[in-house]
Amino acid sequence: MESPVRSLRLLLLVPALVSISPASLQADASAEPAKQASRAEAHAKGADGAIVTQANLLASERHWPYQVALIEPWRPAGRAQPLAKGSRGVLIRVEASGEARIDFGRDGQHDVPVRATDLLANANRIRLGEIVKMAPNFALAIGPRLVSSATTPPRLFGLDEAAGQRGFLCVFADSNAEGFGALAKALAPLAGRHGVSTILFPQGAQPDARIAERLRSLEWTVPFVLDHVSEAYTRTLLSEKTALPAVALVTSEGRLLLESSWKADLAPELTAALDAGFGAVSGSPR
């Protein structure tokens, strides 16, 4: 059986497959080059001229590359052999520690010293326009795999819509579990606050249509991640120590602002984190 980590790596690199009409496919295909150019132009606006360094890397998320590679051999803890120079992975985020959380596919997910990667070099290439980002990293990874629960049948949320969000309040929970209704009720007032989209990462195998129906029944019609990839994303995004159900507040690039197991009195803390991170009327999150 293919490992969940390797499966997620492929999912990060390959577009999601959904059931839509041939006419829609044709229209989307003809419009995609223009859409990509528009997204890239919008994402480039507001880039500053400051050189990206280890000291300001966490705050320079606009310039984070989507993929990174090792520029020297690096051995993860517990492994007999180092990962080879040139090993490439998907950047999940830069951690507050200054290390880069990278998914190397079959070689695992690791927190890697930035100095061992080409992250800083490519961040500055993005800053200079030598590399063009199509969209913020987290939106690019998750957007094509988000489904809107507000329509019947459910429709794709889409990359364009995801790229327009300032951040994401990620909820990792089983929609059939006891207490899910209370969780939804507590989080409902936060949907869309400061341009931050609430999204559900469903836990437990169940049809997407059933998840959408459950969300509509609770009048909490937030987008959700396609069920067959949701748990793989959960393992990549959450720390191992964080028990489910859980929430994580991230920027559109994937910078982590808050992560916690869910508890009934967490909503005020989430509200404060949203206000602190995204409370500016315009511009990038603080």
Protein backbone atom coordinates (compact mmCIF):
# COMPACT_ATOMS: atom_id res chain seq x y z
CA MET A 1 0.00 0.00 0.00
CA GLU A 2 1.31 3.46 -0.91
CA SER A 3 2.23 5.56 2.14
CA PRO A 4 -0.08 8.43 3.13
CA VAL A 5 2.83 10.87 2.96
CA ARG A 6 3.76 9.84 -0.61
CA SER A 7 0.08 9.99 -1.56
CA LEU A 8 -0.17 13.52 -0.21
CA ARG A 9 2.96 14.58 -2.13
CA LEU A 10 1.30 13.44 -5.34
CA LEU A 11 -1.91 15.21 -4.39
CA LEU A 12 -0.03 18.44 -3.80
CA LEU A 13 1.44 18.26 -7.28
CA VAL A 14 -1.47 16.87 -9.30
CA PRO A 15 -4.80 18.73 -9.77
CA ALA A 16 -7.86 17.29 -8.10
CA LEU A 17 -10.33 15.32 -10.22
CA VAL A 18 -14.02 16.14 -9.83
CA SER A 19 -17.18 15.37 -11.72
CA ILE A 20 -18.18 18.37 -13.83
CA SER A 21 -19.73 18.72 -17.25
CA PRO A 22 -17.63 18.51 -20.48
CA ALA A 23 -18.79 22.03 -21.39
CA SER A 24 -17.49 23.34 -18.09
CA LEU A 25 -14.21 21.54 -18.60
CA GLN A 26 -13.79 23.10 -22.03
CA ALA A 27 -14.60 26.57 -20.72
CA ASP A 28 -12.22 26.19 -17.79
CA ALA A 29 -9.42 24.96 -20.05
CA SER A 30 -9.74 27.91 -22.43
CA ALA A 31 -9.79 30.42 -19.59
CA GLU A 32 -7.00 28.89 -17.47
CA PRO A 33 -3.96 30.68 -19.03
CA ALA A 34 -5.64 34.05 -18.47
CA LYS A 35 -6.65 33.04 -14.94
CA GLN A 36 -3.10 31.97 -14.10
CA ALA A 37 -1.67 35.23 -15.41
CA SER A 38 -4.23 37.22 -13.44
CA ARG A 39 -3.52 35.30 -10.22
CA ALA A 40 0.24 35.68 -10.63
CA GLU A 41 -0.08 39.42 -11.27
CA ALA A 42 -2.36 39.91 -8.27
CA HIS A 43 -0.03 37.91 -6.04
CA ALA A 44 3.02 39.90 -7.12
CA LYS A 45 1.44 43.25 -6.25
CA GLY A 46 2.68 44.73 -3.02
CA ALA A 47 5.93 42.77 -2.95
CA ASP A 48 8.57 44.80 -1.14
CA GLY A 49 12.25 45.14 -1.95
CA ALA A 50 13.67 43.83 1.32
CA ILE A 51 16.13 40.97 0.88
CA VAL A 52 14.77 37.77 2.43
CA THR A 53 17.05 36.48 5.17
CA GLN A 54 16.81 33.87 7.91
CA ALA A 55 15.92 36.70 10.29
CA ASN A 56 12.87 37.90 8.34
CA LEU A 57 11.88 34.65 6.60
CA LEU A 58 8.85 33.99 8.80
CA ALA A 59 7.48 37.45 8.04
CA SER A 60 8.38 37.18 4.33
CA GLU A 61 5.79 34.52 3.57
CA ARG A 62 4.73 36.18 0.29
CA HIS A 63 8.08 35.03 -1.10
CA TRP A 64 8.04 31.45 0.20
CA PRO A 65 8.57 29.01 -2.69
CA TYR A 66 6.08 26.18 -3.13
CA GLN A 67 8.83 23.58 -3.47
CA VAL A 68 12.32 23.45 -1.99
CA ALA A 69 15.35 21.22 -2.44
CA LEU A 70 18.29 20.24 -0.27
CA ILE A 71 21.55 21.94 -1.22
CA GLU A 72 23.55 19.55 0.94
CA PRO A 73 22.95 16.06 2.37
CA TRP A 74 20.84 16.19 5.52
CA ARG A 75 20.06 13.38 7.94
CA PRO A 76 16.72 13.42 9.81
CA ALA A 77 16.76 12.22 13.39
CA GLY A 78 16.34 8.46 13.62
CA ARG A 79 17.51 7.76 10.06
CA ALA A 80 20.71 5.87 9.32
CA GLN A 81 21.21 7.51 5.94
CA PRO A 82 20.92 11.20 5.07
CA LEU A 83 18.62 12.55 2.40
CA ALA A 84 20.69 13.25 -0.68
CA LYS A 85 21.59 16.69 -1.96
CA GLY A 86 18.93 17.66 -4.49
CA SER A 87 16.09 15.89 -2.66
CA ARG A 88 13.00 17.94 -3.41
CA GLY A 89 9.85 18.42 -1.37
CA VAL A 90 6.80 20.60 -0.86
CA LEU A 91 7.19 23.42 1.64
CA ILE A 92 4.37 23.12 4.18
CA ARG A 93 5.44 26.21 6.12
CA VAL A 94 8.28 27.94 7.91
CA GLU A 95 7.95 27.24 11.60
CA ALA A 96 8.32 29.78 14.41
CA SER A 97 11.59 27.98 15.25
CA GLY A 98 12.94 29.15 11.90
CA GLU A 99 13.06 25.64 10.46
CA ALA A 100 11.22 24.67 7.28
CA ARG A 101 8.55 21.98 7.46
CA ILE A 102 8.95 20.02 4.23
CA ASP A 103 7.10 17.01 2.81
CA PHE A 104 9.64 14.84 0.97
CA GLY A 105 7.07 12.29 -0.14
CA ARG A 106 8.27 8.75 0.45
CA ASP A 107 11.23 10.12 2.42
CA GLY A 108 8.87 11.58 4.99
CA GLN A 109 7.98 14.95 6.42
CA HIS A 110 10.67 16.76 8.36
CA ASP A 111 11.57 20.07 9.98
CA VAL A 112 14.76 21.01 8.15
CA PRO A 113 17.28 23.77 8.89
CA VAL A 114 16.77 26.45 6.24
CA ARG A 115 20.52 26.62 5.60
CA ALA A 116 20.37 23.07 4.19
CA THR A 117 17.85 24.10 1.52
CA ASP A 118 17.47 26.48 -1.41
CA LEU A 119 14.54 28.18 0.33
CA LEU A 120 16.24 31.54 0.89
CA ALA A 121 17.75 31.63 -2.59
CA ASN A 122 14.42 30.93 -4.26
CA ALA A 123 12.54 33.29 -1.93
CA ASN A 124 14.77 36.07 -3.21
CA ARG A 125 14.28 34.93 -6.80
CA ILE A 126 10.54 35.25 -6.21
CA ARG A 127 11.12 38.68 -4.67
CA LEU A 128 13.01 39.77 -7.80
CA GLY A 129 10.42 38.31 -10.17
CA GLU A 130 12.72 35.60 -11.50
CA ILE A 131 10.26 32.98 -10.23
CA VAL A 132 6.53 33.74 -10.48
CA LYS A 133 4.11 32.29 -7.95
CA MET A 134 0.69 31.42 -9.33
CA ALA A 135 -1.03 31.88 -5.96
CA PRO A 136 -0.27 31.83 -2.21
CA ASN A 137 1.13 28.44 -1.21
CA PHE A 138 -1.65 27.19 1.05
CA ALA A 139 -4.38 28.39 -1.30
CA LEU A 140 -2.60 26.75 -4.23
CA ALA A 141 -2.33 23.42 -2.42
CA ILE A 142 -5.82 23.29 -0.94
CA GLY A 143 -7.97 25.35 -3.34
CA PRO A 144 -8.42 22.71 -6.05
CA ARG A 145 -9.47 20.19 -3.39
CA LEU A 146 -12.09 22.31 -1.67
CA VAL A 147 -15.81 21.70 -2.17
CA SER A 148 -18.58 24.18 -1.48
CA SER A 149 -21.29 22.76 0.77
CA ALA A 150 -23.73 25.57 -0.03
CA THR A 151 -25.04 24.06 -3.29
CA THR A 152 -26.79 20.85 -4.31
CA PRO A 153 -24.95 18.99 -5.71
CA PRO A 154 -21.74 20.28 -4.12
CA ARG A 155 -19.46 22.23 -6.46
CA LEU A 156 -15.76 22.97 -6.46
CA PHE A 157 -14.77 25.95 -4.32
CA GLY A 158 -11.93 26.53 -6.78
CA LEU A 159 -8.43 27.96 -6.79
CA ASP A 160 -9.51 31.46 -7.80
CA GLU A 161 -11.83 31.74 -4.82
CA ALA A 162 -9.29 30.16 -2.46
CA ALA A 163 -6.55 32.52 -3.66
CA GLY A 164 -8.77 35.47 -2.76
CA GLN A 165 -8.91 34.53 0.93
CA ARG A 166 -6.61 36.27 3.42
CA GLY A 167 -6.32 33.12 5.48
CA PHE A 168 -8.01 29.90 6.54
CA LEU A 169 -9.49 28.69 9.81
CA CYS A 170 -8.95 24.95 9.38
CA VAL A 171 -11.24 22.63 11.33
CA PHE A 172 -10.28 18.96 11.60
CA ALA A 173 -13.30 16.98 12.75
CA ASP A 174 -15.68 14.10 12.02
CA SER A 175 -19.00 15.59 10.97
CA ASN A 176 -20.81 12.51 12.31
CA ALA A 177 -19.20 12.65 15.73
CA GLU A 178 -21.03 13.60 18.88
CA GLY A 179 -20.36 17.23 19.62
CA PHE A 180 -19.82 18.26 15.99
CA GLY A 181 -23.03 20.29 16.02
CA ALA A 182 -21.85 22.23 19.07
CA LEU A 183 -18.47 22.82 17.42
CA ALA A 184 -20.16 24.13 14.26
CA LYS A 185 -22.42 26.44 16.28
CA ALA A 186 -19.46 27.85 18.22
CA LEU A 187 -17.40 28.51 15.09
CA ALA A 188 -20.21 29.76 12.84
CA PRO A 189 -19.80 33.45 13.85
CA LEU A 190 -16.14 33.37 12.75
CA ALA A 191 -16.78 32.38 9.12
CA GLY A 192 -15.46 35.10 6.81
CA ARG A 193 -14.13 37.28 9.64
CA HIS A 194 -11.47 39.65 8.20
CA GLY A 195 -11.59 37.76 4.89
CA VAL A 196 -10.59 34.45 6.49
CA SER A 197 -12.43 31.39 5.21
CA THR A 198 -13.41 28.57 7.56
CA ILE A 199 -12.74 25.17 5.95
CA LEU A 200 -13.45 21.67 7.22
CA PHE A 201 -11.05 18.74 6.92
CA PRO A 202 -13.48 15.81 7.36
CA GLN A 203 -12.28 12.85 9.41
CA GLY A 204 -13.57 9.33 8.82
CA ALA A 205 -14.52 7.95 5.41
CA GLN A 206 -17.86 9.21 4.12
CA PRO A 207 -19.21 10.46 0.80
CA ASP A 208 -18.64 14.12 -0.02
CA ALA A 209 -22.37 14.59 -0.72
CA ARG A 210 -23.20 13.33 2.77
CA ILE A 211 -20.70 15.74 4.36
CA ALA A 212 -22.27 18.63 2.43
CA GLU A 213 -25.75 17.54 3.52
CA ARG A 214 -24.65 17.42 7.16
CA LEU A 215 -23.15 20.92 6.96
CA ARG A 216 -26.32 22.30 5.35
CA SER A 217 -28.45 20.68 8.04
CA LEU A 218 -26.44 22.60 10.63
CA GLU A 219 -26.66 25.82 8.57
CA TRP A 220 -22.84 25.88 8.62
CA THR A 221 -22.16 25.79 4.89
CA VAL A 222 -18.37 26.11 4.98
CA PRO A 223 -16.18 24.65 2.21
CA PHE A 224 -14.64 21.26 2.97
CA VAL A 225 -11.71 19.24 1.65
CA LEU A 226 -12.52 16.27 -0.57
CA ASP A 227 -12.91 13.38 1.83
CA HIS A 228 -10.49 10.99 0.12
CA VAL A 229 -7.56 13.39 0.64
CA SER A 230 -8.60 15.10 3.86
CA GLU A 231 -6.95 12.82 6.40
CA ALA A 232 -3.63 12.85 4.53
CA TYR A 233 -3.65 16.64 4.66
CA THR A 234 -4.54 16.48 8.35
CA ARG A 235 -1.44 14.43 9.15
CA THR A 236 0.73 16.89 7.24
CA LEU A 237 -0.69 20.12 8.64
CA LEU A 238 -1.20 19.25 12.30
CA SER A 239 1.46 18.52 14.89
CA GLU A 240 1.46 14.94 16.14
CA LYS A 241 0.77 16.15 19.67
CA THR A 242 -2.49 17.87 18.69
CA ALA A 243 -5.44 15.58 19.37
CA LEU A 244 -8.58 15.61 17.20
CA PRO A 245 -10.91 17.39 16.80
CA ALA A 246 -8.65 20.37 16.27
CA VAL A 247 -8.37 23.78 14.67
CA ALA A 248 -5.50 25.61 13.00
CA LEU A 249 -5.44 29.24 11.87
CA VAL A 250 -3.13 29.86 8.91
CA THR A 251 -2.44 32.64 6.45
CA SER A 252 -3.00 32.13 2.73
CA GLU A 253 0.67 31.14 2.47
CA GLY A 254 0.35 28.60 5.28
CA ARG A 255 2.03 30.49 8.14
CA LEU A 256 0.64 29.03 11.36
CA LEU A 257 -0.93 31.55 13.76
CA LEU A 258 -2.70 29.16 16.13
CA GLU A 259 -3.11 25.41 16.53
CA SER A 260 -5.13 23.69 19.23
CA SER A 261 -7.26 20.70 20.03
CA TRP A 262 -10.89 21.79 20.10
CA LYS A 263 -12.48 22.71 23.40
CA ALA A 264 -15.79 24.38 24.09
CA ASP A 265 -14.24 27.63 25.34
CA LEU A 266 -11.76 28.06 22.47
CA ALA A 267 -13.86 30.45 20.36
CA PRO A 268 -12.76 33.63 22.22
CA GLU A 269 -9.09 32.67 21.77
CA LEU A 270 -9.70 32.07 18.07
CA THR A 271 -11.46 35.41 17.74
CA ALA A 272 -8.50 37.15 19.36
CA ALA A 273 -6.06 35.35 17.05
CA LEU A 274 -8.12 36.31 13.99
CA ASP A 275 -8.23 39.93 15.07
CA ALA A 276 -4.52 40.03 15.84
CA GLY A 277 -3.46 38.30 12.66
CA PHE A 278 -5.92 39.73 10.14
CA GLY A 279 -7.44 42.77 11.79
CA ALA A 280 -5.80 45.28 9.44
CA VAL A 281 -8.37 46.83 7.12
CA SER A 282 -6.13 46.37 4.08
CA GLY A 283 -2.83 44.84 3.14
CA SER A 284 -1.20 41.67 4.36
CA PRO A 285 -1.96 40.06 7.70
CA ARG A 286 0.11 41.49 10.51
